[in-house]
Amino acid sequence: MDWFYDAQFVRNILLPILDISILTFLLYKMYLNISQTRAVELIRVLIIFGGLYAAAHFLQLQTLQWLFRHGAAVGVVVLAVIYQPELRRAFTRMGTRTSGLFRLSNKTTTEQIETVINAMQVLSSKGRGALIVFPRRVAFRSVINSGTRINGEISGALLLTIFDHDTPLHDGAVIIHEGKVHSAGCFLPISEQSDIRKSFGSRHRAALGMAEETDAVMLVLSEETGSLSLAYNANLYYDLSPETIRRSLIALLNYQEILPEDVEAAPDEVR
């Protein structure tokens, strides 16, 4: 009968513990990803409604209980429609972080990052704007295909040629991938956020839109102010110093999630 008790122990104790542990892990990961987007409002809404339902059940409020029972399915659908972009982004990040367990090292070197930043400073002194995209894990072939394939070595001369003259490539974004200028003149999705600064131009809105759709990192040079900014994780960090940009890019291309204010803890080189 030992096998019977062992099977009963597995079924009644170990399996429920495993079930709860997996569910807890998935919910925790989902919360981490949603908390970095505007869908964090969804969590607050769910907590409020959960509290109302618990109060209605505890106080035996029949009308509220009936409303929750019959309106829950409709409410879930409505919330999913309202927060669809944020939820899609959260699931995308969850997938990319899982795939990060098998990631390869980024081929963009520290020296190449410094070359890019030096070119941005030269462009800033000339009153020119620029937008550069550093892909990480999420592919965006449609964006890459919207531009002109270059596949050239990263150099200040090439970046200055693209952004310092009013050519068809000037207004689009440059994609830097695997240590090369992959393509230029690429069109990025425009941010749908309504609370973005009205003073931001199309480059900043495009960078933020790309940060909302993918896990890429965007480097933006403002044509009006000469300020350097980074966009990633659905956020835009405006007017950063070249050193902050450098260390942040190194950390992010090492697949470390870091805020500009934590840049002192960033690594010195891309591994």
C-alpha atoms as a PDB file:
ATOM      1  CA  MET A   1       0.000   0.000   0.000  1.00  0.00           C
ATOM      2  CA  ASP A   2       3.028   2.299   0.138  1.00  0.00           C
ATOM      3  CA  TRP A   3       2.624   3.114  -3.532  1.00  0.00           C
ATOM      4  CA  PHE A   4      -0.959   4.184  -2.857  1.00  0.00           C
ATOM      5  CA  TYR A   5       0.041   6.612  -0.130  1.00  0.00           C
ATOM      6  CA  ASP A   6       2.911   7.915  -2.257  1.00  0.00           C
ATOM      7  CA  ALA A   7       0.531   8.567  -5.159  1.00  0.00           C
ATOM      8  CA  GLN A   8      -1.927  10.221  -2.819  1.00  0.00           C
ATOM      9  CA  PHE A   9       0.848  12.421  -1.405  1.00  0.00           C
ATOM     10  CA  VAL A  10       1.890  13.499  -4.904  1.00  0.00           C
ATOM     11  CA  ARG A  11      -1.707  14.160  -5.988  1.00  0.00           C
ATOM     12  CA  ASN A  12      -2.884  15.948  -2.857  1.00  0.00           C
ATOM     13  CA  ILE A  13       0.253  17.900  -1.848  1.00  0.00           C
ATOM     14  CA  LEU A  14       3.032  18.062  -4.430  1.00  0.00           C
ATOM     15  CA  LEU A  15       0.861  18.726  -7.494  1.00  0.00           C
ATOM     16  CA  PRO A  16      -1.130  21.577  -5.851  1.00  0.00           C
ATOM     17  CA  ILE A  17       2.159  23.151  -4.689  1.00  0.00           C
ATOM     18  CA  LEU A  18       3.574  22.864  -8.226  1.00  0.00           C
ATOM     19  CA  ASP A  19       0.347  24.259  -9.677  1.00  0.00           C
ATOM     20  CA  ILE A  20       0.351  27.273  -7.351  1.00  0.00           C
ATOM     21  CA  SER A  21       4.079  27.886  -7.862  1.00  0.00           C
ATOM     22  CA  ILE A  22       3.779  27.966 -11.662  1.00  0.00           C
ATOM     23  CA  LEU A  23       0.741  30.235 -11.508  1.00  0.00           C
ATOM     24  CA  THR A  24       2.487  32.562  -9.047  1.00  0.00           C
ATOM     25  CA  PHE A  25       5.566  32.738 -11.268  1.00  0.00           C
ATOM     26  CA  LEU A  26       3.498  33.557 -14.382  1.00  0.00           C
ATOM     27  CA  LEU A  27       1.486  36.222 -12.556  1.00  0.00           C
ATOM     28  CA  TYR A  28       4.673  37.754 -11.156  1.00  0.00           C
ATOM     29  CA  LYS A  29       6.298  37.875 -14.597  1.00  0.00           C
ATOM     30  CA  MET A  30       3.128  39.342 -16.061  1.00  0.00           C
ATOM     31  CA  TYR A  31       3.091  42.020 -13.365  1.00  0.00           C
ATOM     32  CA  LEU A  32       6.756  42.912 -13.981  1.00  0.00           C
ATOM     33  CA  ASN A  33       6.104  43.417 -17.676  1.00  0.00           C
ATOM     34  CA  ILE A  34       2.821  45.278 -17.273  1.00  0.00           C
ATOM     35  CA  SER A  35       4.251  47.516 -14.541  1.00  0.00           C
ATOM     36  CA  GLN A  36       6.643  49.002 -17.132  1.00  0.00           C
ATOM     37  CA  THR A  37       3.768  50.064 -19.384  1.00  0.00           C
ATOM     38  CA  ARG A  38       0.670  52.194 -19.061  1.00  0.00           C
ATOM     39  CA  ALA A  39      -1.311  48.993 -18.497  1.00  0.00           C
ATOM     40  CA  VAL A  40      -0.352  49.300 -14.829  1.00  0.00           C
ATOM     41  CA  GLU A  41      -3.653  51.203 -14.624  1.00  0.00           C
ATOM     42  CA  LEU A  42      -5.332  47.891 -15.484  1.00  0.00           C
ATOM     43  CA  ILE A  43      -3.879  46.328 -12.344  1.00  0.00           C
ATOM     44  CA  ARG A  44      -5.314  49.146 -10.239  1.00  0.00           C
ATOM     45  CA  VAL A  45      -8.739  48.683 -11.827  1.00  0.00           C
ATOM     46  CA  LEU A  46      -8.660  44.934 -11.171  1.00  0.00           C
ATOM     47  CA  ILE A  47      -7.630  45.493  -7.537  1.00  0.00           C
ATOM     48  CA  ILE A  48     -10.498  47.956  -7.020  1.00  0.00           C
ATOM     49  CA  PHE A  49     -13.070  45.626  -8.557  1.00  0.00           C
ATOM     50  CA  GLY A  50     -11.637  42.679  -6.637  1.00  0.00           C
ATOM     51  CA  GLY A  51     -12.041  44.627  -3.398  1.00  0.00           C
ATOM     52  CA  LEU A  52     -15.609  45.581  -4.290  1.00  0.00           C
ATOM     53  CA  TYR A  53     -16.474  41.972  -5.076  1.00  0.00           C
ATOM     54  CA  ALA A  54     -14.954  40.758  -1.797  1.00  0.00           C
ATOM     55  CA  ALA A  55     -16.925  43.399   0.122  1.00  0.00           C
ATOM     56  CA  ALA A  56     -20.144  42.490  -1.708  1.00  0.00           C
ATOM     57  CA  HIS A  57     -19.620  38.802  -0.922  1.00  0.00           C
ATOM     58  CA  PHE A  58     -18.763  39.466   2.732  1.00  0.00           C
ATOM     59  CA  LEU A  59     -21.719  41.823   3.271  1.00  0.00           C
ATOM     60  CA  GLN A  60     -24.081  39.697   1.173  1.00  0.00           C
ATOM     61  CA  LEU A  61     -24.965  42.547  -1.187  1.00  0.00           C
ATOM     62  CA  GLN A  62     -27.092  40.568  -3.621  1.00  0.00           C
ATOM     63  CA  THR A  63     -27.392  43.222  -6.330  1.00  0.00           C
ATOM     64  CA  LEU A  64     -23.647  43.800  -6.558  1.00  0.00           C
ATOM     65  CA  GLN A  65     -22.956  40.075  -6.551  1.00  0.00           C
ATOM     66  CA  TRP A  66     -25.444  39.555  -9.397  1.00  0.00           C
ATOM     67  CA  LEU A  67     -23.831  42.407 -11.327  1.00  0.00           C
ATOM     68  CA  PHE A  68     -20.346  40.983 -10.882  1.00  0.00           C
ATOM     69  CA  ARG A  69     -21.439  37.458 -11.855  1.00  0.00           C
ATOM     70  CA  HIS A  70     -23.196  38.547 -15.043  1.00  0.00           C
ATOM     71  CA  GLY A  71     -20.921  41.423 -16.021  1.00  0.00           C
ATOM     72  CA  ALA A  72     -17.495  39.909 -15.378  1.00  0.00           C
ATOM     73  CA  ALA A  73     -17.088  38.407 -18.853  1.00  0.00           C
ATOM     74  CA  VAL A  74     -18.129  41.625 -20.573  1.00  0.00           C
ATOM     75  CA  GLY A  75     -15.821  43.640 -18.321  1.00  0.00           C
ATOM     76  CA  VAL A  76     -12.825  41.445 -19.162  1.00  0.00           C
ATOM     77  CA  VAL A  77     -13.469  41.875 -22.897  1.00  0.00           C
ATOM     78  CA  VAL A  78     -13.843  45.659 -22.531  1.00  0.00           C
ATOM     79  CA  LEU A  79     -10.601  45.958 -20.536  1.00  0.00           C
ATOM     80  CA  ALA A  80      -8.766  43.746 -23.038  1.00  0.00           C
ATOM     81  CA  VAL A  81      -9.899  45.989 -25.900  1.00  0.00           C
ATOM     82  CA  ILE A  82      -8.984  49.213 -24.077  1.00  0.00           C
ATOM     83  CA  TYR A  83      -5.542  48.009 -22.991  1.00  0.00           C
ATOM     84  CA  GLN A  84      -4.824  45.831 -26.041  1.00  0.00           C
ATOM     85  CA  PRO A  85      -1.593  47.636 -27.103  1.00  0.00           C
ATOM     86  CA  GLU A  86      -0.167  47.549 -23.578  1.00  0.00           C
ATOM     87  CA  LEU A  87      -1.089  43.896 -23.042  1.00  0.00           C
ATOM     88  CA  ARG A  88       0.430  42.927 -26.393  1.00  0.00           C
ATOM     89  CA  ARG A  89       3.608  44.746 -25.430  1.00  0.00           C
ATOM     90  CA  ALA A  90       3.718  43.027 -22.043  1.00  0.00           C
ATOM     91  CA  PHE A  91       3.366  39.555 -23.580  1.00  0.00           C
ATOM     92  CA  THR A  92       6.005  40.429 -26.168  1.00  0.00           C
ATOM     93  CA  ARG A  93       8.464  41.410 -23.444  1.00  0.00           C
ATOM     94  CA  MET A  94       7.708  38.265 -21.490  1.00  0.00           C
ATOM     95  CA  GLY A  95       8.569  36.220 -24.565  1.00  0.00           C
ATOM     96  CA  THR A  96      11.734  38.163 -25.278  1.00  0.00           C
ATOM     97  CA  ARG A  97      12.960  37.820 -21.708  1.00  0.00           C
ATOM     98  CA  THR A  98      12.395  34.074 -21.905  1.00  0.00           C
ATOM     99  CA  SER A  99      14.278  33.908 -25.187  1.00  0.00           C
ATOM    100  CA  GLY A 100      17.031  35.941 -23.546  1.00  0.00           C
ATOM    101  CA  LEU A 101      18.104  32.745 -21.772  1.00  0.00           C
ATOM    102  CA  PHE A 102      19.443  31.615 -25.153  1.00  0.00           C
ATOM    103  CA  ARG A 103      20.611  34.979 -26.485  1.00  0.00           C
ATOM    104  CA  LEU A 104      23.860  35.599 -28.323  1.00  0.00           C
ATOM    105  CA  SER A 105      26.188  38.445 -27.423  1.00  0.00           C
ATOM    106  CA  ASN A 106      25.530  41.766 -29.137  1.00  0.00           C
ATOM    107  CA  LYS A 107      28.046  42.536 -31.875  1.00  0.00           C
ATOM    108  CA  THR A 108      27.950  46.318 -31.443  1.00  0.00           C
ATOM    109  CA  THR A 109      31.153  47.189 -29.574  1.00  0.00           C
ATOM    110  CA  THR A 110      31.861  49.928 -27.048  1.00  0.00           C
ATOM    111  CA  GLU A 111      34.099  51.677 -29.589  1.00  0.00           C
ATOM    112  CA  GLN A 112      31.275  51.703 -32.136  1.00  0.00           C
ATOM    113  CA  ILE A 113      28.885  53.177 -29.570  1.00  0.00           C
ATOM    114  CA  GLU A 114      31.404  55.934 -28.879  1.00  0.00           C
ATOM    115  CA  THR A 115      31.711  56.535 -32.644  1.00  0.00           C
ATOM    116  CA  VAL A 116      27.929  56.969 -32.866  1.00  0.00           C
ATOM    117  CA  ILE A 117      27.819  59.383 -29.927  1.00  0.00           C
ATOM    118  CA  ASN A 118      30.723  61.435 -31.306  1.00  0.00           C
ATOM    119  CA  ALA A 119      28.905  61.718 -34.628  1.00  0.00           C
ATOM    120  CA  MET A 120      25.746  62.860 -32.778  1.00  0.00           C
ATOM    121  CA  GLN A 121      27.726  65.586 -31.029  1.00  0.00           C
ATOM    122  CA  VAL A 122      29.093  66.837 -34.358  1.00  0.00           C
ATOM    123  CA  LEU A 123      25.571  66.857 -35.807  1.00  0.00           C
ATOM    124  CA  SER A 124      24.321  68.684 -32.716  1.00  0.00           C
ATOM    125  CA  SER A 125      26.891  71.448 -33.221  1.00  0.00           C
ATOM    126  CA  LYS A 126      25.593  71.838 -36.788  1.00  0.00           C
ATOM    127  CA  GLY A 127      21.944  71.999 -35.765  1.00  0.00           C
ATOM    128  CA  ARG A 128      21.022  68.698 -37.397  1.00  0.00           C
ATOM    129  CA  GLY A 129      18.720  65.978 -36.080  1.00  0.00           C
ATOM    130  CA  ALA A 130      19.134  62.210 -36.107  1.00  0.00           C
ATOM    131  CA  LEU A 131      17.366  59.003 -35.102  1.00  0.00           C
ATOM    132  CA  ILE A 132      19.218  55.715 -34.597  1.00  0.00           C
ATOM    133  CA  VAL A 133      17.704  52.338 -33.660  1.00  0.00           C
ATOM    134  CA  PHE A 134      19.573  49.566 -31.836  1.00  0.00           C
ATOM    135  CA  PRO A 135      17.532  46.326 -32.081  1.00  0.00           C
ATOM    136  CA  ARG A 136      17.748  43.822 -29.277  1.00  0.00           C
ATOM    137  CA  ARG A 137      15.563  40.685 -29.296  1.00  0.00           C
ATOM    138  CA  VAL A 138      12.280  41.596 -31.015  1.00  0.00           C
ATOM    139  CA  ALA A 139      12.490  41.478 -34.809  1.00  0.00           C
ATOM    140  CA  PHE A 140      10.808  44.207 -36.898  1.00  0.00           C
ATOM    141  CA  ARG A 141      11.441  43.244 -40.500  1.00  0.00           C
ATOM    142  CA  SER A 142       8.707  45.552 -41.843  1.00  0.00           C
ATOM    143  CA  VAL A 143      10.470  48.588 -40.356  1.00  0.00           C
ATOM    144  CA  ILE A 144      13.855  47.532 -41.708  1.00  0.00           C
ATOM    145  CA  ASN A 145      12.405  46.868 -45.156  1.00  0.00           C
ATOM    146  CA  SER A 146      10.882  50.359 -45.244  1.00  0.00           C
ATOM    147  CA  GLY A 147      14.371  51.875 -45.608  1.00  0.00           C
ATOM    148  CA  THR A 148      17.405  51.511 -47.841  1.00  0.00           C
ATOM    149  CA  ARG A 149      19.801  48.634 -47.207  1.00  0.00           C
ATOM    150  CA  ILE A 150      23.356  49.860 -46.535  1.00  0.00           C
ATOM    151  CA  ASN A 151      25.167  47.123 -44.590  1.00  0.00           C
ATOM    152  CA  GLY A 152      28.155  49.407 -44.007  1.00  0.00           C
ATOM    153  CA  GLU A 153      30.734  49.672 -41.262  1.00  0.00           C
ATOM    154  CA  ILE A 154      29.857  52.052 -38.437  1.00  0.00           C
ATOM    155  CA  SER A 155      31.788  55.277 -38.918  1.00  0.00           C
ATOM    156  CA  GLY A 156      31.325  58.924 -38.153  1.00  0.00           C
ATOM    157  CA  ALA A 157      31.721  59.771 -41.840  1.00  0.00           C
ATOM    158  CA  LEU A 158      28.849  57.482 -42.842  1.00  0.00           C
ATOM    159  CA  LEU A 159      26.486  58.797 -40.152  1.00  0.00           C
ATOM    160  CA  LEU A 160      27.361  62.397 -40.990  1.00  0.00           C
ATOM    161  CA  THR A 161      26.747  61.701 -44.673  1.00  0.00           C
ATOM    162  CA  ILE A 162      23.291  60.335 -43.884  1.00  0.00           C
ATOM    163  CA  PHE A 163      22.110  63.003 -41.432  1.00  0.00           C
ATOM    164  CA  ASP A 164      24.141  66.098 -42.342  1.00  0.00           C
ATOM    165  CA  HIS A 165      22.615  66.534 -45.791  1.00  0.00           C
ATOM    166  CA  ASP A 166      19.028  66.906 -46.966  1.00  0.00           C
ATOM    167  CA  THR A 167      18.898  63.566 -48.734  1.00  0.00           C
ATOM    168  CA  PRO A 168      15.930  61.129 -48.813  1.00  0.00           C
ATOM    169  CA  LEU A 169      17.643  59.159 -46.002  1.00  0.00           C
ATOM    170  CA  HIS A 170      17.885  62.163 -43.673  1.00  0.00           C
ATOM    171  CA  ASP A 171      14.339  62.082 -42.319  1.00  0.00           C
ATOM    172  CA  GLY A 172      14.187  58.367 -41.540  1.00  0.00           C
ATOM    173  CA  ALA A 173      15.893  56.238 -38.914  1.00  0.00           C
ATOM    174  CA  VAL A 174      19.194  54.394 -39.158  1.00  0.00           C
ATOM    175  CA  ILE A 175      19.193  50.773 -37.978  1.00  0.00           C
ATOM    176  CA  ILE A 176      22.450  49.629 -36.345  1.00  0.00           C
ATOM    177  CA  HIS A 177      22.485  45.863 -36.025  1.00  0.00           C
ATOM    178  CA  GLU A 178      25.266  43.351 -35.365  1.00  0.00           C
ATOM    179  CA  GLY A 179      27.956  46.019 -35.480  1.00  0.00           C
ATOM    180  CA  LYS A 180      26.939  47.521 -38.825  1.00  0.00           C
ATOM    181  CA  VAL A 181      24.769  50.281 -40.231  1.00  0.00           C
ATOM    182  CA  HIS A 182      22.180  47.871 -41.529  1.00  0.00           C
ATOM    183  CA  SER A 183      19.772  50.321 -43.246  1.00  0.00           C
ATOM    184  CA  ALA A 184      18.789  53.984 -43.330  1.00  0.00           C
ATOM    185  CA  GLY A 185      15.704  56.041 -44.118  1.00  0.00           C
ATOM    186  CA  CYS A 186      13.489  53.622 -42.170  1.00  0.00           C
ATOM    187  CA  PHE A 187      10.002  54.664 -41.068  1.00  0.00           C
ATOM    188  CA  LEU A 188       9.043  53.968 -37.448  1.00  0.00           C
ATOM    189  CA  PRO A 189       5.559  53.738 -35.921  1.00  0.00           C
ATOM    190  CA  ILE A 190       4.376  56.993 -34.307  1.00  0.00           C
ATOM    191  CA  SER A 191       3.494  56.938 -30.608  1.00  0.00           C
ATOM    192  CA  GLU A 192      -0.188  56.946 -29.693  1.00  0.00           C
ATOM    193  CA  GLN A 193       0.428  58.469 -26.264  1.00  0.00           C
ATOM    194  CA  SER A 194      -1.677  61.570 -25.734  1.00  0.00           C
ATOM    195  CA  ASP A 195       0.359  63.015 -22.856  1.00  0.00           C
ATOM    196  CA  ILE A 196       3.629  63.316 -24.774  1.00  0.00           C
ATOM    197  CA  ARG A 197       5.168  66.802 -24.826  1.00  0.00           C
ATOM    198  CA  LYS A 198       3.718  68.953 -27.565  1.00  0.00           C
ATOM    199  CA  SER A 199       7.207  70.341 -28.175  1.00  0.00           C
ATOM    200  CA  PHE A 200       8.463  66.911 -29.287  1.00  0.00           C
ATOM    201  CA  GLY A 201       8.834  66.552 -33.028  1.00  0.00           C
ATOM    202  CA  SER A 202       8.318  63.589 -35.306  1.00  0.00           C
ATOM    203  CA  ARG A 203      11.655  61.975 -34.402  1.00  0.00           C
ATOM    204  CA  HIS A 204      10.839  61.804 -30.693  1.00  0.00           C
ATOM    205  CA  ARG A 205       7.317  60.538 -31.395  1.00  0.00           C
ATOM    206  CA  ALA A 206       8.673  57.904 -33.772  1.00  0.00           C
ATOM    207  CA  ALA A 207      11.307  56.819 -31.221  1.00  0.00           C
ATOM    208  CA  LEU A 208       8.667  56.510 -28.507  1.00  0.00           C
ATOM    209  CA  GLY A 209       6.356  54.633 -30.862  1.00  0.00           C
ATOM    210  CA  MET A 210       9.120  52.151 -31.615  1.00  0.00           C
ATOM    211  CA  ALA A 211       9.815  51.797 -27.874  1.00  0.00           C
ATOM    212  CA  GLU A 212       6.141  50.969 -27.364  1.00  0.00           C
ATOM    213  CA  GLU A 213       6.116  48.264 -30.035  1.00  0.00           C
ATOM    214  CA  THR A 214       9.517  46.589 -29.542  1.00  0.00           C
ATOM    215  CA  ASP A 215      12.364  46.216 -27.052  1.00  0.00           C
ATOM    216  CA  ALA A 216      14.760  48.191 -29.265  1.00  0.00           C
ATOM    217  CA  VAL A 217      16.706  51.204 -27.971  1.00  0.00           C
ATOM    218  CA  MET A 218      16.403  54.491 -29.869  1.00  0.00           C
ATOM    219  CA  LEU A 219      18.943  57.322 -29.767  1.00  0.00           C
ATOM    220  CA  VAL A 220      17.393  60.662 -30.720  1.00  0.00           C
ATOM    221  CA  LEU A 221      19.129  63.937 -31.519  1.00  0.00           C
ATOM    222  CA  SER A 222      16.821  66.954 -31.454  1.00  0.00           C
ATOM    223  CA  GLU A 223      17.257  69.269 -34.418  1.00  0.00           C
ATOM    224  CA  GLU A 224      15.711  72.187 -32.477  1.00  0.00           C
ATOM    225  CA  THR A 225      17.608  71.951 -29.171  1.00  0.00           C
ATOM    226  CA  GLY A 226      20.556  69.645 -29.901  1.00  0.00           C
ATOM    227  CA  SER A 227      19.556  67.448 -26.940  1.00  0.00           C
ATOM    228  CA  LEU A 228      20.290  63.740 -26.887  1.00  0.00           C
ATOM    229  CA  SER A 229      17.587  61.345 -25.681  1.00  0.00           C
ATOM    230  CA  LEU A 230      17.030  57.613 -25.304  1.00  0.00           C
ATOM    231  CA  ALA A 231      13.745  55.781 -25.846  1.00  0.00           C
ATOM    232  CA  TYR A 232      13.133  52.223 -24.651  1.00  0.00           C
ATOM    233  CA  ASN A 233      10.591  50.218 -22.664  1.00  0.00           C
ATOM    234  CA  ALA A 234       7.796  52.577 -23.789  1.00  0.00           C
ATOM    235  CA  ASN A 235       9.559  55.564 -22.176  1.00  0.00           C
ATOM    236  CA  LEU A 236      11.505  58.536 -23.479  1.00  0.00           C
ATOM    237  CA  TYR A 237      14.412  59.881 -21.420  1.00  0.00           C
ATOM    238  CA  TYR A 238      15.045  63.412 -22.617  1.00  0.00           C
ATOM    239  CA  ASP A 239      18.198  65.563 -22.628  1.00  0.00           C
ATOM    240  CA  LEU A 240      20.832  63.129 -21.360  1.00  0.00           C
ATOM    241  CA  SER A 241      24.563  63.727 -21.242  1.00  0.00           C
ATOM    242  CA  PRO A 242      26.816  61.893 -23.742  1.00  0.00           C
ATOM    243  CA  GLU A 243      28.356  59.863 -20.897  1.00  0.00           C
ATOM    244  CA  THR A 244      24.905  58.821 -19.640  1.00  0.00           C
ATOM    245  CA  ILE A 245      23.958  57.863 -23.190  1.00  0.00           C
ATOM    246  CA  ARG A 246      27.146  55.825 -23.581  1.00  0.00           C
ATOM    247  CA  ARG A 247      26.827  53.867 -20.345  1.00  0.00           C
ATOM    248  CA  SER A 248      23.081  53.349 -20.795  1.00  0.00           C
ATOM    249  CA  LEU A 249      23.543  51.993 -24.323  1.00  0.00           C
ATOM    250  CA  ILE A 250      26.282  49.639 -23.134  1.00  0.00           C
ATOM    251  CA  ALA A 251      24.029  48.319 -20.362  1.00  0.00           C
ATOM    252  CA  LEU A 252      20.979  47.960 -22.593  1.00  0.00           C
ATOM    253  CA  LEU A 253      22.934  46.190 -25.338  1.00  0.00           C
ATOM    254  CA  ASN A 254      24.158  43.843 -22.603  1.00  0.00           C
ATOM    255  CA  TYR A 255      20.438  43.089 -22.089  1.00  0.00           C
ATOM    256  CA  GLN A 256      20.375  44.825 -18.708  1.00  0.00           C
ATOM    257  CA  GLU A 257      17.319  46.909 -17.884  1.00  0.00           C
ATOM    258  CA  ILE A 258      18.649  50.175 -16.465  1.00  0.00           C
ATOM    259  CA  LEU A 259      17.364  53.676 -15.924  1.00  0.00           C
ATOM    260  CA  PRO A 260      19.499  56.713 -16.785  1.00  0.00           C
ATOM    261  CA  GLU A 261      19.655  57.682 -13.115  1.00  0.00           C
ATOM    262  CA  ASP A 262      21.248  54.300 -12.357  1.00  0.00           C
ATOM    263  CA  VAL A 263      23.893  54.708 -15.034  1.00  0.00           C
ATOM    264  CA  GLU A 264      26.771  54.636 -12.543  1.00  0.00           C
ATOM    265  CA  ALA A 265      26.068  50.941 -12.030  1.00  0.00           C
ATOM    266  CA  ALA A 266      26.224  50.232 -15.780  1.00  0.00           C
ATOM    267  CA  PRO A 267      29.078  48.174 -17.258  1.00  0.00           C
ATOM    268  CA  ASP A 268      31.932  49.838 -19.117  1.00  0.00           C
ATOM    269  CA  GLU A 269      31.963  47.569 -22.177  1.00  0.00           C
ATOM    270  CA  VAL A 270      29.594  45.569 -24.318  1.00  0.00           C
ATOM    271  CA  ARG A 271      30.195  41.881 -23.709  1.00  0.00           C
END
